[in-house]
Amino acid sequence: MGEHDGVTVAFDAMAQVAEQVSQDSQKLADQSRAAGAERAAGASMTEVMDSGRPQAVLKLAESLAKRLVSAASVLRHAVVRDLSSEGKKVSAIARIFGVSHQRISVLLKARHQND
């Protein structure tokens, strides 16, 4: 296995996303605490919304989730492809991931369509 195979690239991409998400998670925590503090201090929901914090919190949370899900999907596809290439049966791969064999078949079919 070379240093540039699909799984290695996918793990590296996941690490980069995780590092970015870690940094942005601190911003999310700070903004959430600030919005909560405003509300706890007696601000109305309209006043809290006027600060823009709830909107920023939700936008950032959605962005973090999308980045993680996307990176996980790329990694999952790469691992499934490699396991299949190593001779693992669809049913065995499905057990490893805790999903149906149909789900693995769909992932492998998508691989052949993208090749």
PDB file of N, CA and C in Angstrom:
ATOM      1  N   MET A   1       0.839  -1.188   0.000  1.00  0.00           N
ATOM      2  CA  MET A   1       0.000   0.000   0.000  1.00  0.00           C
ATOM      3  C   MET A   1       0.882   1.248   0.000  1.00  0.00           C
ATOM      4  N   GLY A   2       0.625   2.104  -0.931  1.00  0.00           N
ATOM      5  CA  GLY A   2       1.411   3.321  -1.046  1.00  0.00           C
ATOM      6  C   GLY A   2       0.894   4.409  -0.137  1.00  0.00           C
ATOM      7  N   GLU A   3       1.689   5.438  -0.024  1.00  0.00           N
ATOM      8  CA  GLU A   3       1.283   6.526   0.863  1.00  0.00           C
ATOM      9  C   GLU A   3       0.168   7.369   0.257  1.00  0.00           C
ATOM     10  N   HIS A   4      -0.148   7.144  -1.026  1.00  0.00           N
ATOM     11  CA  HIS A   4      -1.182   7.942  -1.682  1.00  0.00           C
ATOM     12  C   HIS A   4      -2.402   7.115  -2.066  1.00  0.00           C
ATOM     13  N   ASP A   5      -2.591   5.942  -1.431  1.00  0.00           N
ATOM     14  CA  ASP A   5      -3.781   5.162  -1.752  1.00  0.00           C
ATOM     15  C   ASP A   5      -5.015   5.871  -1.204  1.00  0.00           C
ATOM     16  N   GLY A   6      -6.190   5.449  -1.680  1.00  0.00           N
ATOM     17  CA  GLY A   6      -7.432   6.131  -1.330  1.00  0.00           C
ATOM     18  C   GLY A   6      -7.721   6.202   0.147  1.00  0.00           C
ATOM     19  N   VAL A   7      -7.437   5.128   0.862  1.00  0.00           N
ATOM     20  CA  VAL A   7      -7.728   5.125   2.300  1.00  0.00           C
ATOM     21  C   VAL A   7      -6.802   6.091   3.034  1.00  0.00           C
ATOM     22  N   THR A   8      -5.531   6.090   2.671  1.00  0.00           N
ATOM     23  CA  THR A   8      -4.580   7.003   3.317  1.00  0.00           C
ATOM     24  C   THR A   8      -4.986   8.456   3.076  1.00  0.00           C
ATOM     25  N   VAL A   9      -5.349   8.764   1.846  1.00  0.00           N
ATOM     26  CA  VAL A   9      -5.795  10.119   1.504  1.00  0.00           C
ATOM     27  C   VAL A   9      -7.051  10.471   2.303  1.00  0.00           C
ATOM     28  N   ALA A  10      -7.980   9.518   2.409  1.00  0.00           N
ATOM     29  CA  ALA A  10      -9.218   9.770   3.144  1.00  0.00           C
ATOM     30  C   ALA A  10      -8.956   9.984   4.636  1.00  0.00           C
ATOM     31  N   PHE A  11      -8.035   9.197   5.222  1.00  0.00           N
ATOM     32  CA  PHE A  11      -7.688   9.409   6.634  1.00  0.00           C
ATOM     33  C   PHE A  11      -7.031  10.775   6.829  1.00  0.00           C
ATOM     34  N   ASP A  12      -6.162  11.163   5.916  1.00  0.00           N
ATOM     35  CA  ASP A  12      -5.526  12.480   6.005  1.00  0.00           C
ATOM     36  C   ASP A  12      -6.565  13.601   5.901  1.00  0.00           C
ATOM     37  N   ALA A  13      -7.506  13.432   4.981  1.00  0.00           N
ATOM     38  CA  ALA A  13      -8.569  14.436   4.834  1.00  0.00           C
ATOM     39  C   ALA A  13      -9.422  14.509   6.098  1.00  0.00           C
ATOM     40  N   MET A  14      -9.723  13.351   6.691  1.00  0.00           N
ATOM     41  CA  MET A  14     -10.503  13.331   7.930  1.00  0.00           C
ATOM     42  C   MET A  14      -9.751  14.053   9.046  1.00  0.00           C
ATOM     43  N   ALA A  15      -8.448  13.825   9.127  1.00  0.00           N
ATOM     44  CA  ALA A  15      -7.638  14.497  10.153  1.00  0.00           C
ATOM     45  C   ALA A  15      -7.686  16.008   9.969  1.00  0.00           C
ATOM     46  N   GLN A  16      -7.596  16.468   8.730  1.00  0.00           N
ATOM     47  CA  GLN A  16      -7.650  17.907   8.469  1.00  0.00           C
ATOM     48  C   GLN A  16      -9.007  18.483   8.845  1.00  0.00           C
ATOM     49  N   VAL A  17     -10.060  17.778   8.465  1.00  0.00           N
ATOM     50  CA  VAL A  17     -11.404  18.240   8.818  1.00  0.00           C
ATOM     51  C   VAL A  17     -11.564  18.270  10.336  1.00  0.00           C
ATOM     52  N   ALA A  18     -11.081  17.229  11.011  1.00  0.00           N
ATOM     53  CA  ALA A  18     -11.192  17.174  12.473  1.00  0.00           C
ATOM     54  C   ALA A  18     -10.471  18.345  13.128  1.00  0.00           C
ATOM     55  N   GLU A  19      -9.306  18.692  12.611  1.00  0.00           N
ATOM     56  CA  GLU A  19      -8.568  19.836  13.162  1.00  0.00           C
ATOM     57  C   GLU A  19      -9.332  21.135  12.952  1.00  0.00           C
ATOM     58  N   GLN A  20      -9.908  21.308  11.758  1.00  0.00           N
ATOM     59  CA  GLN A  20     -10.695  22.513  11.475  1.00  0.00           C
ATOM     60  C   GLN A  20     -11.941  22.563  12.359  1.00  0.00           C
ATOM     61  N   VAL A  21     -12.599  21.420  12.472  1.00  0.00           N
ATOM     62  CA  VAL A  21     -13.811  21.344  13.284  1.00  0.00           C
ATOM     63  C   VAL A  21     -13.495  21.620  14.753  1.00  0.00           C
ATOM     64  N   SER A  22     -12.359  21.143  15.206  1.00  0.00           N
ATOM     65  CA  SER A  22     -11.949  21.388  16.591  1.00  0.00           C
ATOM     66  C   SER A  22     -11.824  22.886  16.859  1.00  0.00           C
ATOM     67  N   GLN A  23     -11.179  23.572  15.947  1.00  0.00           N
ATOM     68  CA  GLN A  23     -11.022  25.023  16.107  1.00  0.00           C
ATOM     69  C   GLN A  23     -12.380  25.727  16.058  1.00  0.00           C
ATOM     70  N   ASP A  24     -13.201  25.338  15.080  1.00  0.00           N
ATOM     71  CA  ASP A  24     -14.507  25.972  14.946  1.00  0.00           C
ATOM     72  C   ASP A  24     -15.458  25.585  16.081  1.00  0.00           C
ATOM     73  N   SER A  25     -15.244  24.425  16.673  1.00  0.00           N
ATOM     74  CA  SER A  25     -16.076  24.013  17.806  1.00  0.00           C
ATOM     75  C   SER A  25     -15.889  24.952  18.993  1.00  0.00           C
ATOM     76  N   GLN A  26     -14.693  25.446  19.187  1.00  0.00           N
ATOM     77  CA  GLN A  26     -14.459  26.405  20.265  1.00  0.00           C
ATOM     78  C   GLN A  26     -15.220  27.701  20.005  1.00  0.00           C
ATOM     79  N   LYS A  27     -15.235  28.146  18.744  1.00  0.00           N
ATOM     80  CA  LYS A  27     -16.017  29.337  18.385  1.00  0.00           C
ATOM     81  C   LYS A  27     -17.502  29.086  18.643  1.00  0.00           C
ATOM     82  N   LEU A  28     -17.961  27.892  18.289  1.00  0.00           N
ATOM     83  CA  LEU A  28     -19.355  27.519  18.507  1.00  0.00           C
ATOM     84  C   LEU A  28     -19.695  27.543  19.997  1.00  0.00           C
ATOM     85  N   ALA A  29     -18.807  26.994  20.805  1.00  0.00           N
ATOM     86  CA  ALA A  29     -19.022  26.985  22.251  1.00  0.00           C
ATOM     87  C   ALA A  29     -19.060  28.408  22.804  1.00  0.00           C
ATOM     88  N   ASP A  30     -18.137  29.245  22.359  1.00  0.00           N
ATOM     89  CA  ASP A  30     -18.085  30.640  22.833  1.00  0.00           C
ATOM     90  C   ASP A  30     -19.362  31.397  22.471  1.00  0.00           C
ATOM     91  N   GLN A  31     -19.803  31.245  21.212  1.00  0.00           N
ATOM     92  CA  GLN A  31     -21.015  31.941  20.770  1.00  0.00           C
ATOM     93  C   GLN A  31     -22.253  31.416  21.505  1.00  0.00           C
ATOM     94  N   SER A  32     -22.290  30.120  21.733  1.00  0.00           N
ATOM     95  CA  SER A  32     -23.427  29.530  22.448  1.00  0.00           C
ATOM     96  C   SER A  32     -23.487  30.028  23.882  1.00  0.00           C
ATOM     97  N   ARG A  33     -22.335  30.053  24.536  1.00  0.00           N
ATOM     98  CA  ARG A  33     -22.296  30.562  25.918  1.00  0.00           C
ATOM     99  C   ARG A  33     -22.718  32.023  25.980  1.00  0.00           C
ATOM    100  N   ALA A  34     -22.260  32.817  25.015  1.00  0.00           N
ATOM    101  CA  ALA A  34     -22.608  34.237  25.011  1.00  0.00           C
ATOM    102  C   ALA A  34     -24.109  34.431  24.816  1.00  0.00           C
ATOM    103  N   ALA A  35     -24.706  33.665  23.904  1.00  0.00           N
ATOM    104  CA  ALA A  35     -26.151  33.772  23.685  1.00  0.00           C
ATOM    105  C   ALA A  35     -26.910  33.311  24.930  1.00  0.00           C
ATOM    106  N   GLY A  36     -26.436  32.235  25.549  1.00  0.00           N
ATOM    107  CA  GLY A  36     -27.068  31.756  26.778  1.00  0.00           C
ATOM    108  C   GLY A  36     -26.955  32.758  27.902  1.00  0.00           C
ATOM    109  N   ALA A  37     -25.818  33.420  27.987  1.00  0.00           N
ATOM    110  CA  ALA A  37     -25.615  34.426  29.033  1.00  0.00           C
ATOM    111  C   ALA A  37     -26.541  35.616  28.820  1.00  0.00           C
ATOM    112  N   GLU A  38     -26.723  36.022  27.581  1.00  0.00           N
ATOM    113  CA  GLU A  38     -27.646  37.122  27.283  1.00  0.00           C
ATOM    114  C   GLU A  38     -29.060  36.764  27.761  1.00  0.00           C
ATOM    115  N   ARG A  39     -29.450  35.549  27.411  1.00  0.00           N
ATOM    116  CA  ARG A  39     -30.802  35.098  27.778  1.00  0.00           C
ATOM    117  C   ARG A  39     -30.938  34.991  29.290  1.00  0.00           C
ATOM    118  N   ALA A  40     -29.917  34.432  29.951  1.00  0.00           N
ATOM    119  CA  ALA A  40     -29.949  34.284  31.413  1.00  0.00           C
ATOM    120  C   ALA A  40     -29.979  35.638  32.109  1.00  0.00           C
ATOM    121  N   ALA A  41     -29.413  36.657  31.451  1.00  0.00           N
ATOM    122  CA  ALA A  41     -29.399  37.998  32.032  1.00  0.00           C
ATOM    123  C   ALA A  41     -30.728  38.721  31.834  1.00  0.00           C
ATOM    124  N   GLY A  42     -31.677  38.025  31.180  1.00  0.00           N
ATOM    125  CA  GLY A  42     -33.009  38.604  31.059  1.00  0.00           C
ATOM    126  C   GLY A  42     -33.349  39.141  29.683  1.00  0.00           C
ATOM    127  N   ALA A  43     -32.460  38.956  28.719  1.00  0.00           N
ATOM    128  CA  ALA A  43     -32.763  39.433  27.367  1.00  0.00           C
ATOM    129  C   ALA A  43     -33.917  38.633  26.788  1.00  0.00           C
ATOM    130  N   SER A  44     -34.772  39.328  26.063  1.00  0.00           N
ATOM    131  CA  SER A  44     -35.861  38.625  25.380  1.00  0.00           C
ATOM    132  C   SER A  44     -35.274  37.834  24.213  1.00  0.00           C
ATOM    133  N   MET A  45     -36.051  36.890  23.715  1.00  0.00           N
ATOM    134  CA  MET A  45     -35.569  36.119  22.566  1.00  0.00           C
ATOM    135  C   MET A  45     -35.343  37.028  21.370  1.00  0.00           C
ATOM    136  N   THR A  46     -36.182  38.042  21.209  1.00  0.00           N
ATOM    137  CA  THR A  46     -35.997  39.007  20.120  1.00  0.00           C
ATOM    138  C   THR A  46     -34.663  39.723  20.266  1.00  0.00           C
ATOM    139  N   GLU A  47     -34.335  40.117  21.491  1.00  0.00           N
ATOM    140  CA  GLU A  47     -33.054  40.791  21.723  1.00  0.00           C
ATOM    141  C   GLU A  47     -31.881  39.857  21.449  1.00  0.00           C
ATOM    142  N   VAL A  48     -32.006  38.620  21.875  1.00  0.00           N
ATOM    143  CA  VAL A  48     -30.931  37.651  21.626  1.00  0.00           C
ATOM    144  C   VAL A  48     -30.788  37.440  20.120  1.00  0.00           C
ATOM    145  N   MET A  49     -31.913  37.322  19.421  1.00  0.00           N
ATOM    146  CA  MET A  49     -31.866  37.134  17.970  1.00  0.00           C
ATOM    147  C   MET A  49     -31.257  38.357  17.289  1.00  0.00           C
ATOM    148  N   ASP A  50     -31.561  39.537  17.801  1.00  0.00           N
ATOM    149  CA  ASP A  50     -31.003  40.758  17.219  1.00  0.00           C
ATOM    150  C   ASP A  50     -29.483  40.801  17.323  1.00  0.00           C
ATOM    151  N   SER A  51     -28.936  40.091  18.301  1.00  0.00           N
ATOM    152  CA  SER A  51     -27.470  40.052  18.428  1.00  0.00           C
ATOM    153  C   SER A  51     -26.841  39.220  17.313  1.00  0.00           C
ATOM    154  N   GLY A  52     -27.651  38.358  16.693  1.00  0.00           N
ATOM    155  CA  GLY A  52     -27.155  37.512  15.613  1.00  0.00           C
ATOM    156  C   GLY A  52     -26.486  36.235  16.082  1.00  0.00           C
ATOM    157  N   ARG A  53     -26.345  36.084  17.381  1.00  0.00           N
ATOM    158  CA  ARG A  53     -25.647  34.894  17.894  1.00  0.00           C
ATOM    159  C   ARG A  53     -26.368  33.583  17.602  1.00  0.00           C
ATOM    160  N   PRO A  54     -27.684  33.503  17.854  1.00  0.00           N
ATOM    161  CA  PRO A  54     -28.341  32.221  17.561  1.00  0.00           C
ATOM    162  C   PRO A  54     -28.184  31.804  16.092  1.00  0.00           C
ATOM    163  N   GLN A  55     -28.290  32.772  15.202  1.00  0.00           N
ATOM    164  CA  GLN A  55     -28.142  32.459  13.788  1.00  0.00           C
ATOM    165  C   GLN A  55     -26.717  31.974  13.493  1.00  0.00           C
ATOM    166  N   ALA A  56     -25.735  32.629  14.078  1.00  0.00           N
ATOM    167  CA  ALA A  56     -24.341  32.228  13.871  1.00  0.00           C
ATOM    168  C   ALA A  56     -24.081  30.844  14.452  1.00  0.00           C
ATOM    169  N   VAL A  57     -24.662  30.556  15.623  1.00  0.00           N
ATOM    170  CA  VAL A  57     -24.499  29.255  16.264  1.00  0.00           C
ATOM    171  C   VAL A  57     -25.067  28.158  15.371  1.00  0.00           C
ATOM    172  N   LEU A  58     -26.270  28.365  14.881  1.00  0.00           N
ATOM    173  CA  LEU A  58     -26.902  27.344  14.037  1.00  0.00           C
ATOM    174  C   LEU A  58     -26.166  27.168  12.718  1.00  0.00           C
ATOM    175  N   LYS A  59     -25.754  28.257  12.113  1.00  0.00           N
ATOM    176  CA  LYS A  59     -25.027  28.174  10.841  1.00  0.00           C
ATOM    177  C   LYS A  59     -23.704  27.427  11.029  1.00  0.00           C
ATOM    178  N   LEU A  60     -22.974  27.741  12.074  1.00  0.00           N
ATOM    179  CA  LEU A  60     -21.693  27.088  12.332  1.00  0.00           C
ATOM    180  C   LEU A  60     -21.891  25.614  12.679  1.00  0.00           C
ATOM    181  N   ALA A  61     -22.905  25.312  13.499  1.00  0.00           N
ATOM    182  CA  ALA A  61     -23.172  23.917  13.856  1.00  0.00           C
ATOM    183  C   ALA A  61     -23.511  23.094  12.615  1.00  0.00           C
ATOM    184  N   GLU A  62     -24.313  23.638  11.735  1.00  0.00           N
ATOM    185  CA  GLU A  62     -24.671  22.938  10.497  1.00  0.00           C
ATOM    186  C   GLU A  62     -23.447  22.749   9.607  1.00  0.00           C
ATOM    187  N   SER A  63     -22.605  23.743   9.543  1.00  0.00           N
ATOM    188  CA  SER A  63     -21.383  23.645   8.740  1.00  0.00           C
ATOM    189  C   SER A  63     -20.444  22.566   9.283  1.00  0.00           C
ATOM    190  N   LEU A  64     -20.282  22.543  10.594  1.00  0.00           N
ATOM    191  CA  LEU A  64     -19.428  21.526  11.217  1.00  0.00           C
ATOM    192  C   LEU A  64     -19.967  20.127  10.928  1.00  0.00           C
ATOM    193  N   ALA A  65     -21.256  19.959  11.078  1.00  0.00           N
ATOM    194  CA  ALA A  65     -21.870  18.651  10.846  1.00  0.00           C
ATOM    195  C   ALA A  65     -21.691  18.217   9.391  1.00  0.00           C
ATOM    196  N   LYS A  66     -21.906  19.118   8.462  1.00  0.00           N
ATOM    197  CA  LYS A  66     -21.761  18.792   7.041  1.00  0.00           C
ATOM    198  C   LYS A  66     -20.331  18.385   6.706  1.00  0.00           C
ATOM    199  N   ARG A  67     -19.362  19.112   7.257  1.00  0.00           N
ATOM    200  CA  ARG A  67     -17.958  18.779   6.972  1.00  0.00           C
ATOM    201  C   ARG A  67     -17.599  17.409   7.520  1.00  0.00           C
ATOM    202  N   LEU A  68     -18.054  17.103   8.729  1.00  0.00           N
ATOM    203  CA  LEU A  68     -17.769  15.792   9.316  1.00  0.00           C
ATOM    204  C   LEU A  68     -18.450  14.665   8.544  1.00  0.00           C
ATOM    205  N   VAL A  69     -19.703  14.867   8.202  1.00  0.00           N
ATOM    206  CA  VAL A  69     -20.434  13.838   7.460  1.00  0.00           C
ATOM    207  C   VAL A  69     -19.790  13.606   6.094  1.00  0.00           C
ATOM    208  N   SER A  70     -19.386  14.661   5.434  1.00  0.00           N
ATOM    209  CA  SER A  70     -18.758  14.526   4.121  1.00  0.00           C
ATOM    210  C   SER A  70     -17.434  13.770   4.212  1.00  0.00           C
ATOM    211  N   ALA A  71     -16.601  14.132   5.162  1.00  0.00           N
ATOM    212  CA  ALA A  71     -15.312  13.456   5.323  1.00  0.00           C
ATOM    213  C   ALA A  71     -15.513  11.997   5.717  1.00  0.00           C
ATOM    214  N   ALA A  72     -16.494  11.732   6.563  1.00  0.00           N
ATOM    215  CA  ALA A  72     -16.781  10.352   6.964  1.00  0.00           C
ATOM    216  C   ALA A  72     -17.257   9.529   5.778  1.00  0.00           C
ATOM    217  N   SER A  73     -18.043  10.130   4.922  1.00  0.00           N
ATOM    218  CA  SER A  73     -18.538   9.434   3.738  1.00  0.00           C
ATOM    219  C   SER A  73     -17.396   9.049   2.807  1.00  0.00           C
ATOM    220  N   VAL A  74     -16.480   9.976   2.579  1.00  0.00           N
ATOM    221  CA  VAL A  74     -15.319   9.696   1.726  1.00  0.00           C
ATOM    222  C   VAL A  74     -14.491   8.561   2.332  1.00  0.00           C
ATOM    223  N   LEU A  75     -14.264   8.624   3.629  1.00  0.00           N
ATOM    224  CA  LEU A  75     -13.491   7.583   4.295  1.00  0.00           C
ATOM    225  C   LEU A  75     -14.205   6.236   4.224  1.00  0.00           C
ATOM    226  N   ARG A  76     -15.493   6.225   4.499  1.00  0.00           N
ATOM    227  CA  ARG A  76     -16.275   4.984   4.455  1.00  0.00           C
ATOM    228  C   ARG A  76     -16.179   4.344   3.073  1.00  0.00           C
ATOM    229  N   HIS A  77     -16.359   5.147   2.025  1.00  0.00           N
ATOM    230  CA  HIS A  77     -16.267   4.628   0.658  1.00  0.00           C
ATOM    231  C   HIS A  77     -14.885   4.028   0.389  1.00  0.00           C
ATOM    232  N   ALA A  78     -13.852   4.727   0.802  1.00  0.00           N
ATOM    233  CA  ALA A  78     -12.484   4.245   0.557  1.00  0.00           C
ATOM    234  C   ALA A  78     -12.222   2.928   1.281  1.00  0.00           C
ATOM    235  N   VAL A  79     -12.660   2.843   2.527  1.00  0.00           N
ATOM    236  CA  VAL A  79     -12.447   1.619   3.307  1.00  0.00           C
ATOM    237  C   VAL A  79     -13.227   0.458   2.695  1.00  0.00           C
ATOM    238  N   VAL A  80     -14.464   0.700   2.316  1.00  0.00           N
ATOM    239  CA  VAL A  80     -15.284  -0.344   1.706  1.00  0.00           C
ATOM    240  C   VAL A  80     -14.641  -0.829   0.407  1.00  0.00           C
ATOM    241  N   ARG A  81     -14.174   0.095  -0.409  1.00  0.00           N
ATOM    242  CA  ARG A  81     -13.511  -0.287  -1.668  1.00  0.00           C
ATOM    243  C   ARG A  81     -12.294  -1.155  -1.393  1.00  0.00           C
ATOM    244  N   ASP A  82     -11.476  -0.737  -0.420  1.00  0.00           N
ATOM    245  CA  ASP A  82     -10.266  -1.502  -0.117  1.00  0.00           C
ATOM    246  C   ASP A  82     -10.585  -2.872   0.461  1.00  0.00           C
ATOM    247  N   LEU A  83     -11.543  -2.947   1.357  1.00  0.00           N
ATOM    248  CA  LEU A  83     -11.918  -4.251   1.907  1.00  0.00           C
ATOM    249  C   LEU A  83     -12.410  -5.183   0.798  1.00  0.00           C
ATOM    250  N   SER A  84     -13.191  -4.636  -0.104  1.00  0.00           N
ATOM    251  CA  SER A  84     -13.671  -5.436  -1.228  1.00  0.00           C
ATOM    252  C   SER A  84     -12.507  -5.879  -2.114  1.00  0.00           C
ATOM    253  N   SER A  85     -11.580  -4.971  -2.375  1.00  0.00           N
ATOM    254  CA  SER A  85     -10.401  -5.295  -3.186  1.00  0.00           C
ATOM    255  C   SER A  85      -9.537  -6.364  -2.527  1.00  0.00           C
ATOM    256  N   GLU A  86      -9.561  -6.416  -1.207  1.00  0.00           N
ATOM    257  CA  GLU A  86      -8.793  -7.423  -0.469  1.00  0.00           C
ATOM    258  C   GLU A  86      -9.526  -8.763  -0.421  1.00  0.00           C
ATOM    259  N   GLY A  87     -10.705  -8.827  -1.031  1.00  0.00           N
ATOM    260  CA  GLY A  87     -11.429 -10.090  -1.102  1.00  0.00           C
ATOM    261  C   GLY A  87     -12.516 -10.287  -0.069  1.00  0.00           C
ATOM    262  N   LYS A  88     -12.766  -9.283   0.763  1.00  0.00           N
ATOM    263  CA  LYS A  88     -13.850  -9.414   1.749  1.00  0.00           C
ATOM    264  C   LYS A  88     -15.190  -9.455   1.018  1.00  0.00           C
ATOM    265  N   LYS A  89     -16.055 -10.308   1.485  1.00  0.00           N
ATOM    266  CA  LYS A  89     -17.392 -10.409   0.905  1.00  0.00           C
ATOM    267  C   LYS A  89     -18.256  -9.258   1.402  1.00  0.00           C
ATOM    268  N   VAL A  90     -19.248  -8.921   0.604  1.00  0.00           N
ATOM    269  CA  VAL A  90     -20.161  -7.835   0.938  1.00  0.00           C
ATOM    270  C   VAL A  90     -20.781  -8.053   2.314  1.00  0.00           C
ATOM    271  N   SER A  91     -21.183  -9.273   2.620  1.00  0.00           N
ATOM    272  CA  SER A  91     -21.813  -9.553   3.915  1.00  0.00           C
ATOM    273  C   SER A  91     -20.837  -9.326   5.069  1.00  0.00           C
ATOM    274  N   ALA A  92     -19.572  -9.660   4.866  1.00  0.00           N
ATOM    275  CA  ALA A  92     -18.572  -9.451   5.922  1.00  0.00           C
ATOM    276  C   ALA A  92     -18.318  -7.960   6.129  1.00  0.00           C
ATOM    277  N   ILE A  93     -18.246  -7.224   5.044  1.00  0.00           N
ATOM    278  CA  ILE A  93     -18.046  -5.761   5.145  1.00  0.00           C
ATOM    279  C   ILE A  93     -19.250  -5.136   5.852  1.00  0.00           C
ATOM    280  N   ALA A  94     -20.424  -5.602   5.518  1.00  0.00           N
ATOM    281  CA  ALA A  94     -21.646  -5.080   6.149  1.00  0.00           C
ATOM    282  C   ALA A  94     -21.615  -5.300   7.659  1.00  0.00           C
ATOM    283  N   ARG A  95     -21.162  -6.485   8.074  1.00  0.00           N
ATOM    284  CA  ARG A  95     -21.066  -6.759   9.524  1.00  0.00           C
ATOM    285  C   ARG A  95     -20.063  -5.819  10.188  1.00  0.00           C
ATOM    286  N   ILE A  96     -18.940  -5.566   9.532  1.00  0.00           N
ATOM    287  CA  ILE A  96     -17.916  -4.666  10.092  1.00  0.00           C
ATOM    288  C   ILE A  96     -18.515  -3.283  10.359  1.00  0.00           C
ATOM    289  N   PHE A  97     -19.314  -2.801   9.410  1.00  0.00           N
ATOM    290  CA  PHE A  97     -19.884  -1.461   9.528  1.00  0.00           C
ATOM    291  C   PHE A  97     -21.229  -1.432  10.252  1.00  0.00           C
ATOM    292  N   GLY A  98     -21.797  -2.606  10.497  1.00  0.00           N
ATOM    293  CA  GLY A  98     -23.091  -2.651  11.173  1.00  0.00           C
ATOM    294  C   GLY A  98     -24.226  -2.134  10.310  1.00  0.00           C
ATOM    295  N   VAL A  99     -24.136  -2.392   9.008  1.00  0.00           N
ATOM    296  CA  VAL A  99     -25.181  -1.970   8.078  1.00  0.00           C
ATOM    297  C   VAL A  99     -25.627  -3.186   7.263  1.00  0.00           C
ATOM    298  N   SER A 100     -26.627  -2.989   6.439  1.00  0.00           N
ATOM    299  CA  SER A 100     -27.108  -4.087   5.604  1.00  0.00           C
ATOM    300  C   SER A 100     -26.144  -4.349   4.447  1.00  0.00           C
ATOM    301  N   HIS A 101     -26.214  -5.565   3.924  1.00  0.00           N
ATOM    302  CA  HIS A 101     -25.381  -5.876   2.768  1.00  0.00           C
ATOM    303  C   HIS A 101     -25.824  -5.052   1.556  1.00  0.00           C
ATOM    304  N   GLN A 102     -27.095  -4.654   1.542  1.00  0.00           N
ATOM    305  CA  GLN A 102     -27.578  -3.810   0.443  1.00  0.00           C
ATOM    306  C   GLN A 102     -26.876  -2.458   0.443  1.00  0.00           C
ATOM    307  N   ARG A 103     -26.654  -1.925   1.641  1.00  0.00           N
ATOM    308  CA  ARG A 103     -25.969  -0.623   1.738  1.00  0.00           C
ATOM    309  C   ARG A 103     -24.549  -0.726   1.186  1.00  0.00           C
ATOM    310  N   ILE A 104     -23.852  -1.795   1.507  1.00  0.00           N
ATOM    311  CA  ILE A 104     -22.496  -1.983   1.010  1.00  0.00           C
ATOM    312  C   ILE A 104     -22.520  -2.171  -0.499  1.00  0.00           C
ATOM    313  N   SER A 105     -23.492  -2.917  -1.000  1.00  0.00           N
ATOM    314  CA  SER A 105     -23.615  -3.106  -2.447  1.00  0.00           C
ATOM    315  C   SER A 105     -23.806  -1.773  -3.160  1.00  0.00           C
ATOM    316  N   VAL A 106     -24.611  -0.901  -2.569  1.00  0.00           N
ATOM    317  CA  VAL A 106     -24.820   0.427  -3.154  1.00  0.00           C
ATOM    318  C   VAL A 106     -23.498   1.197  -3.192  1.00  0.00           C
ATOM    319  N   LEU A 107     -22.725   1.139  -2.110  1.00  0.00           N
ATOM    320  CA  LEU A 107     -21.437   1.842  -2.072  1.00  0.00           C
ATOM    321  C   LEU A 107     -20.489   1.292  -3.137  1.00  0.00           C
ATOM    322  N   LEU A 108     -20.452  -0.014  -3.277  1.00  0.00           N
ATOM    323  CA  LEU A 108     -19.567  -0.621  -4.271  1.00  0.00           C
ATOM    324  C   LEU A 108     -20.038  -0.337  -5.695  1.00  0.00           C
ATOM    325  N   LYS A 109     -21.342  -0.297  -5.894  1.00  0.00           N
ATOM    326  CA  LYS A 109     -21.881   0.028  -7.213  1.00  0.00           C
ATOM    327  C   LYS A 109     -21.519   1.467  -7.579  1.00  0.00           C
ATOM    328  N   ALA A 110     -21.608   2.359  -6.619  1.00  0.00           N
ATOM    329  CA  ALA A 110     -21.238   3.758  -6.857  1.00  0.00           C
ATOM    330  C   ALA A 110     -19.767   3.844  -7.255  1.00  0.00           C
ATOM    331  N   ARG A 111     -18.952   3.008  -6.674  1.00  0.00           N
ATOM    332  CA  ARG A 111     -17.521   2.968  -7.009  1.00  0.00           C
ATOM    333  C   ARG A 111     -17.334   2.645  -8.474  1.00  0.00           C
ATOM    334  N   HIS A 112     -18.052   1.629  -8.962  1.00  0.00           N
ATOM    335  CA  HIS A 112     -17.892   1.211 -10.348  1.00  0.00           C
ATOM    336  C   HIS A 112     -18.415   2.284 -11.310  1.00  0.00           C
ATOM    337  N   GLN A 113     -19.423   3.025 -10.901  1.00  0.00           N
ATOM    338  CA  GLN A 113     -19.941   4.090 -11.747  1.00  0.00           C
ATOM    339  C   GLN A 113     -18.981   5.264 -11.821  1.00  0.00           C
ATOM    340  N   ASN A 114     -18.175   5.457 -10.773  1.00  0.00           N
ATOM    341  CA  ASN A 114     -17.227   6.578 -10.729  1.00  0.00           C
ATOM    342  C   ASN A 114     -15.864   6.224 -11.324  1.00  0.00           C
ATOM    343  N   ASP A 115     -15.611   4.941 -11.564  1.00  0.00           N
ATOM    344  CA  ASP A 115     -14.317   4.530 -12.128  1.00  0.00           C
ATOM    345  C   ASP A 115     -14.214   4.885 -13.589  1.00  0.00           C
TER     346      ASP A 115
END
